[in-house]
PDB file of N, CA and C in Angstrom:
ATOM      1  N   MET A   1      -0.921  14.010  -2.296  1.00  0.00           N
ATOM      2  CA  MET A   1      -0.778  13.050  -1.272  1.00  0.00           C
ATOM      3  C   MET A   1      -0.494  11.845  -2.125  1.00  0.00           C
ATOM      4  N   THR A   2      -0.124  10.981  -1.998  1.00  0.00           N
ATOM      5  CA  THR A   2       0.414   9.655  -2.732  1.00  0.00           C
ATOM      6  C   THR A   2      -0.900   8.748  -2.460  1.00  0.00           C
ATOM      7  N   THR A   3      -1.341   8.046  -2.968  1.00  0.00           N
ATOM      8  CA  THR A   3      -2.670   7.102  -2.516  1.00  0.00           C
ATOM      9  C   THR A   3      -2.067   5.811  -2.245  1.00  0.00           C
ATOM     10  N   ILE A   4      -2.080   4.704  -1.443  1.00  0.00           N
ATOM     11  CA  ILE A   4      -1.589   3.572  -1.396  1.00  0.00           C
ATOM     12  C   ILE A   4      -1.314   2.666  -2.926  1.00  0.00           C
ATOM     13  N   LYS A   5      -2.686   2.977  -3.770  1.00  0.00           N
ATOM     14  CA  LYS A   5      -2.607   1.852  -4.546  1.00  0.00           C
ATOM     15  C   LYS A   5      -0.742   2.645  -5.889  1.00  0.00           C
ATOM     16  N   GLU A   6      -1.496   3.514  -5.803  1.00  0.00           N
ATOM     17  CA  GLU A   6       0.199   4.917  -6.206  1.00  0.00           C
ATOM     18  C   GLU A   6       1.412   4.409  -5.797  1.00  0.00           C
ATOM     19  N   ALA A   7       1.334   4.553  -4.585  1.00  0.00           N
ATOM     20  CA  ALA A   7       2.706   3.676  -3.430  1.00  0.00           C
ATOM     21  C   ALA A   7       3.144   2.733  -4.193  1.00  0.00           C
ATOM     22  N   ARG A   8       2.205   1.366  -4.214  1.00  0.00           N
ATOM     23  CA  ARG A   8       2.251   0.396  -4.258  1.00  0.00           C
ATOM     24  C   ARG A   8       2.585   0.072  -6.067  1.00  0.00           C
ATOM     25  N   GLN A   9       2.138   1.178  -7.243  1.00  0.00           N
ATOM     26  CA  GLN A   9       2.546   0.408  -7.829  1.00  0.00           C
ATOM     27  C   GLN A   9       3.893   1.232  -8.662  1.00  0.00           C
ATOM     28  N   LEU A  10       4.217   2.380  -8.044  1.00  0.00           N
ATOM     29  CA  LEU A  10       5.658   2.776  -8.119  1.00  0.00           C
ATOM     30  C   LEU A  10       6.593   1.486  -7.576  1.00  0.00           C
ATOM     31  N   ALA A  11       6.540   1.256  -6.424  1.00  0.00           N
ATOM     32  CA  ALA A  11       7.179   0.088  -5.864  1.00  0.00           C
ATOM     33  C   ALA A  11       7.096  -1.270  -6.753  1.00  0.00           C
ATOM     34  N   GLY A  12       6.188  -1.428  -7.379  1.00  0.00           N
ATOM     35  CA  GLY A  12       6.740  -2.398  -8.848  1.00  0.00           C
ATOM     36  C   GLY A  12       5.663  -3.710  -8.319  1.00  0.00           C
ATOM     37  N   LEU A  13       4.790  -3.462  -6.906  1.00  0.00           N
ATOM     38  CA  LEU A  13       4.425  -4.553  -6.412  1.00  0.00           C
ATOM     39  C   LEU A  13       3.028  -4.832  -6.846  1.00  0.00           C
ATOM     40  N   THR A  14       2.752  -6.457  -7.044  1.00  0.00           N
ATOM     41  CA  THR A  14       1.810  -6.758  -7.031  1.00  0.00           C
ATOM     42  C   THR A  14       0.631  -6.312  -5.805  1.00  0.00           C
ATOM     43  N   GLN A  15      -0.862  -6.494  -5.418  1.00  0.00           N
ATOM     44  CA  GLN A  15      -1.524  -6.372  -4.428  1.00  0.00           C
ATOM     45  C   GLN A  15      -1.273  -7.119  -3.594  1.00  0.00           C
ATOM     46  N   LYS A  16      -0.778  -8.514  -4.302  1.00  0.00           N
ATOM     47  CA  LYS A  16      -0.787 -10.116  -3.553  1.00  0.00           C
ATOM     48  C   LYS A  16       0.507  -9.722  -2.814  1.00  0.00           C
ATOM     49  N   ALA A  17       1.924  -9.275  -3.662  1.00  0.00           N
ATOM     50  CA  ALA A  17       3.014  -8.941  -3.137  1.00  0.00           C
ATOM     51  C   ALA A  17       3.036  -8.164  -2.196  1.00  0.00           C
ATOM     52  N   ALA A  18       2.431  -6.965  -1.838  1.00  0.00           N
ATOM     53  CA  ALA A  18       2.339  -5.961  -1.217  1.00  0.00           C
ATOM     54  C   ALA A  18       1.855  -6.275   0.214  1.00  0.00           C
ATOM     55  N   ALA A  19       0.664  -6.963  -0.251  1.00  0.00           N
ATOM     56  CA  ALA A  19      -0.022  -8.137   1.085  1.00  0.00           C
ATOM     57  C   ALA A  19       0.659  -8.371   2.181  1.00  0.00           C
ATOM     58  N   GLU A  20       1.498  -9.476   1.667  1.00  0.00           N
ATOM     59  CA  GLU A  20       2.427 -10.062   2.198  1.00  0.00           C
ATOM     60  C   GLU A  20       3.732  -9.659   2.572  1.00  0.00           C
ATOM     61  N   LEU A  21       4.432  -8.167   2.670  1.00  0.00           N
ATOM     62  CA  LEU A  21       5.346  -7.718   2.530  1.00  0.00           C
ATOM     63  C   LEU A  21       4.770  -6.694   3.651  1.00  0.00           C
ATOM     64  N   LEU A  22       3.860  -6.353   3.535  1.00  0.00           N
ATOM     65  CA  LEU A  22       3.077  -5.610   4.725  1.00  0.00           C
ATOM     66  C   LEU A  22       2.242  -6.485   6.119  1.00  0.00           C
ATOM     67  N   GLU A  23       1.981  -7.790   5.611  1.00  0.00           N
ATOM     68  CA  GLU A  23       1.186  -8.741   6.534  1.00  0.00           C
ATOM     69  C   GLU A  23       0.011  -7.847   6.930  1.00  0.00           C
ATOM     70  N   ILE A  24      -0.775  -7.776   5.757  1.00  0.00           N
ATOM     71  CA  ILE A  24      -2.418  -7.411   5.411  1.00  0.00           C
ATOM     72  C   ILE A  24      -2.544  -8.479   5.013  1.00  0.00           C
ATOM     73  N   PRO A  25      -4.263  -8.664   5.121  1.00  0.00           N
ATOM     74  CA  PRO A  25      -4.944  -9.315   4.291  1.00  0.00           C
ATOM     75  C   PRO A  25      -4.923  -8.655   2.590  1.00  0.00           C
ATOM     76  N   LYS A  26      -4.925  -9.237   1.599  1.00  0.00           N
ATOM     77  CA  LYS A  26      -4.776  -8.943   0.520  1.00  0.00           C
ATOM     78  C   LYS A  26      -6.523  -8.394   0.324  1.00  0.00           C
ATOM     79  N   ARG A  27      -7.470  -8.596   0.878  1.00  0.00           N
ATOM     80  CA  ARG A  27      -8.152  -8.618   0.812  1.00  0.00           C
ATOM     81  C   ARG A  27      -8.648  -6.660   1.482  1.00  0.00           C
ATOM     82  N   THR A  28      -7.938  -6.445   2.388  1.00  0.00           N
ATOM     83  CA  THR A  28      -8.015  -5.161   3.186  1.00  0.00           C
ATOM     84  C   THR A  28      -7.431  -4.126   2.108  1.00  0.00           C
ATOM     85  N   LEU A  29      -6.396  -4.709   1.522  1.00  0.00           N
ATOM     86  CA  LEU A  29      -5.580  -3.514   0.258  1.00  0.00           C
ATOM     87  C   LEU A  29      -6.514  -3.587  -0.507  1.00  0.00           C
ATOM     88  N   GLU A  30      -7.325  -4.573  -0.816  1.00  0.00           N
ATOM     89  CA  GLU A  30      -8.280  -4.486  -2.046  1.00  0.00           C
ATOM     90  C   GLU A  30      -9.392  -3.284  -1.720  1.00  0.00           C
ATOM     91  N   ASN A  31      -9.765  -3.516  -1.118  1.00  0.00           N
ATOM     92  CA  ASN A  31     -10.753  -2.646  -0.377  1.00  0.00           C
ATOM     93  C   ASN A  31     -10.101  -1.066  -0.019  1.00  0.00           C
ATOM     94  N   TRP A  32      -9.251  -0.832   0.438  1.00  0.00           N
ATOM     95  CA  TRP A  32      -8.463   0.297   0.501  1.00  0.00           C
ATOM     96  C   TRP A  32      -8.196   0.984  -0.478  1.00  0.00           C
ATOM     97  N   GLU A  33      -7.809   0.323  -1.626  1.00  0.00           N
ATOM     98  CA  GLU A  33      -7.522   1.216  -3.134  1.00  0.00           C
ATOM     99  C   GLU A  33      -9.176   1.188  -3.792  1.00  0.00           C
ATOM    100  N   GLU A  34      -9.748   0.105  -3.444  1.00  0.00           N
ATOM    101  CA  GLU A  34     -10.827   0.369  -4.015  1.00  0.00           C
ATOM    102  C   GLU A  34     -11.381   1.859  -3.729  1.00  0.00           C
ATOM    103  N   GLY A  35     -11.814   2.309  -2.350  1.00  0.00           N
ATOM    104  CA  GLY A  35     -12.275   3.171  -1.698  1.00  0.00           C
ATOM    105  C   GLY A  35     -13.515   2.641  -0.895  1.00  0.00           C
ATOM    106  N   HIS A  36     -13.605   0.974  -0.973  1.00  0.00           N
ATOM    107  CA  HIS A  36     -14.516   0.496   0.110  1.00  0.00           C
ATOM    108  C   HIS A  36     -13.943   0.985   1.629  1.00  0.00           C
ATOM    109  N   ARG A  37     -13.104   1.063   1.788  1.00  0.00           N
ATOM    110  CA  ARG A  37     -12.897   1.100   3.228  1.00  0.00           C
ATOM    111  C   ARG A  37     -11.403   2.115   3.039  1.00  0.00           C
ATOM    112  N   ALA A  38     -11.217   2.445   3.786  1.00  0.00           N
ATOM    113  CA  ALA A  38     -10.203   3.459   4.421  1.00  0.00           C
ATOM    114  C   ALA A  38      -8.955   3.509   5.655  1.00  0.00           C
ATOM    115  N   PRO A  39      -7.974   3.146   5.792  1.00  0.00           N
ATOM    116  CA  PRO A  39      -7.452   2.962   6.856  1.00  0.00           C
ATOM    117  C   PRO A  39      -6.836   4.334   7.893  1.00  0.00           C
ATOM    118  N   LYS A  40      -6.698   4.016   9.150  1.00  0.00           N
ATOM    119  CA  LYS A  40      -6.816   5.238   9.925  1.00  0.00           C
ATOM    120  C   LYS A  40      -5.656   6.233   9.394  1.00  0.00           C
ATOM    121  N   PRO A  41      -5.979   7.296   9.425  1.00  0.00           N
ATOM    122  CA  PRO A  41      -4.375   7.797   8.458  1.00  0.00           C
ATOM    123  C   PRO A  41      -2.926   7.665   8.756  1.00  0.00           C
ATOM    124  N   TRP A  42      -2.810   7.298  10.102  1.00  0.00           N
ATOM    125  CA  TRP A  42      -1.495   7.107  10.621  1.00  0.00           C
ATOM    126  C   TRP A  42      -1.105   5.760  10.032  1.00  0.00           C
ATOM    127  N   VAL A  43      -2.022   4.810   9.870  1.00  0.00           N
ATOM    128  CA  VAL A  43      -2.090   3.757   8.988  1.00  0.00           C
ATOM    129  C   VAL A  43      -1.403   3.931   7.814  1.00  0.00           C
ATOM    130  N   GLN A  44      -2.175   4.705   6.730  1.00  0.00           N
ATOM    131  CA  GLN A  44      -1.921   4.973   5.276  1.00  0.00           C
ATOM    132  C   GLN A  44      -0.396   5.767   5.502  1.00  0.00           C
ATOM    133  N   ARG A  45       0.187   6.719   6.245  1.00  0.00           N
ATOM    134  CA  ARG A  45       1.070   7.231   6.034  1.00  0.00           C
ATOM    135  C   ARG A  45       2.227   6.391   6.403  1.00  0.00           C
ATOM    136  N   LEU A  46       2.183   5.375   6.919  1.00  0.00           N
ATOM    137  CA  LEU A  46       3.272   4.690   7.437  1.00  0.00           C
ATOM    138  C   LEU A  46       3.519   3.468   6.052  1.00  0.00           C
ATOM    139  N   ILE A  47       2.192   3.419   5.740  1.00  0.00           N
ATOM    140  CA  ILE A  47       1.737   2.140   4.722  1.00  0.00           C
ATOM    141  C   ILE A  47       2.924   2.993   2.643  1.00  0.00           C
ATOM    142  N   ILE A  48       2.324   3.978   3.276  1.00  0.00           N
ATOM    143  CA  ILE A  48       2.590   4.748   1.676  1.00  0.00           C
ATOM    144  C   ILE A  48       4.481   5.227   1.510  1.00  0.00           C
ATOM    145  N   LYS A  49       5.450   5.711   2.876  1.00  0.00           N
ATOM    146  CA  LYS A  49       6.261   5.779   3.198  1.00  0.00           C
ATOM    147  C   LYS A  49       7.507   4.769   3.114  1.00  0.00           C
ATOM    148  N   GLU A  50       6.524   3.076   3.257  1.00  0.00           N
ATOM    149  CA  GLU A  50       7.657   2.077   3.344  1.00  0.00           C
ATOM    150  C   GLU A  50       7.383   1.632   1.906  1.00  0.00           C
ATOM    151  N   LEU A  51       6.380   1.531   0.830  1.00  0.00           N
ATOM    152  CA  LEU A  51       6.351   1.360  -0.034  1.00  0.00           C
ATOM    153  C   LEU A  51       7.104   2.618  -1.170  1.00  0.00           C
ATOM    154  N   LEU A  52       7.216   3.790  -0.581  1.00  0.00           N
ATOM    155  CA  LEU A  52       7.657   4.723  -1.407  1.00  0.00           C
ATOM    156  C   LEU A  52       9.334   4.458  -0.897  1.00  0.00           C
ATOM    157  N   GLU A  53       9.291   3.987  -0.217  1.00  0.00           N
ATOM    158  CA  GLU A  53      10.847   3.335   0.229  1.00  0.00           C
ATOM    159  C   GLU A  53      11.509   2.344  -0.638  1.00  0.00           C
ATOM    160  N   ILE A  54      10.680   1.577  -0.760  1.00  0.00           N
ATOM    161  CA  ILE A  54      10.909   0.303  -1.459  1.00  0.00           C
ATOM    162  C   ILE A  54      11.069   0.785  -3.194  1.00  0.00           C
ATOM    163  N   ALA A  55      10.254   1.907  -3.364  1.00  0.00           N
ATOM    164  CA  ALA A  55      10.154   2.520  -4.426  1.00  0.00           C
ATOM    165  C   ALA A  55      11.582   3.059  -5.078  1.00  0.00           C
ATOM    166  N   ALA A  56      12.034   3.817  -4.255  1.00  0.00           N
ATOM    167  CA  ALA A  56      13.386   4.702  -3.949  1.00  0.00           C
ATOM    168  C   ALA A  56      14.707   3.443  -4.201  1.00  0.00           C
ATOM    169  N   ARG A  57      14.381   2.590  -4.095  1.00  0.00           N
ATOM    170  CA  ARG A  57      15.763   1.969  -3.747  1.00  0.00           C
ATOM    171  C   ARG A  57      15.667   0.979  -5.420  1.00  0.00           C
ATOM    172  N   LYS A  58      14.484   0.876  -6.019  1.00  0.00           N
ATOM    173  CA  LYS A  58      14.776   0.446  -7.487  1.00  0.00           C
ATOM    174  C   LYS A  58      15.241   1.391  -8.315  1.00  0.00           C
TER     175      LYS A  58
END
């Protein structure tokens, strides 16, 4: 399964840009990517789906 970090990188977004796009705090995204915390599974799936759709449009 693709991680949030991998999907963000495929979309060509920085953490700051992804956080702004997803309307979540940058620190939250950092914590998820670094493995300090994890989003609920359904949240993770939605975020990855959104980021992969952005990557596909490039």
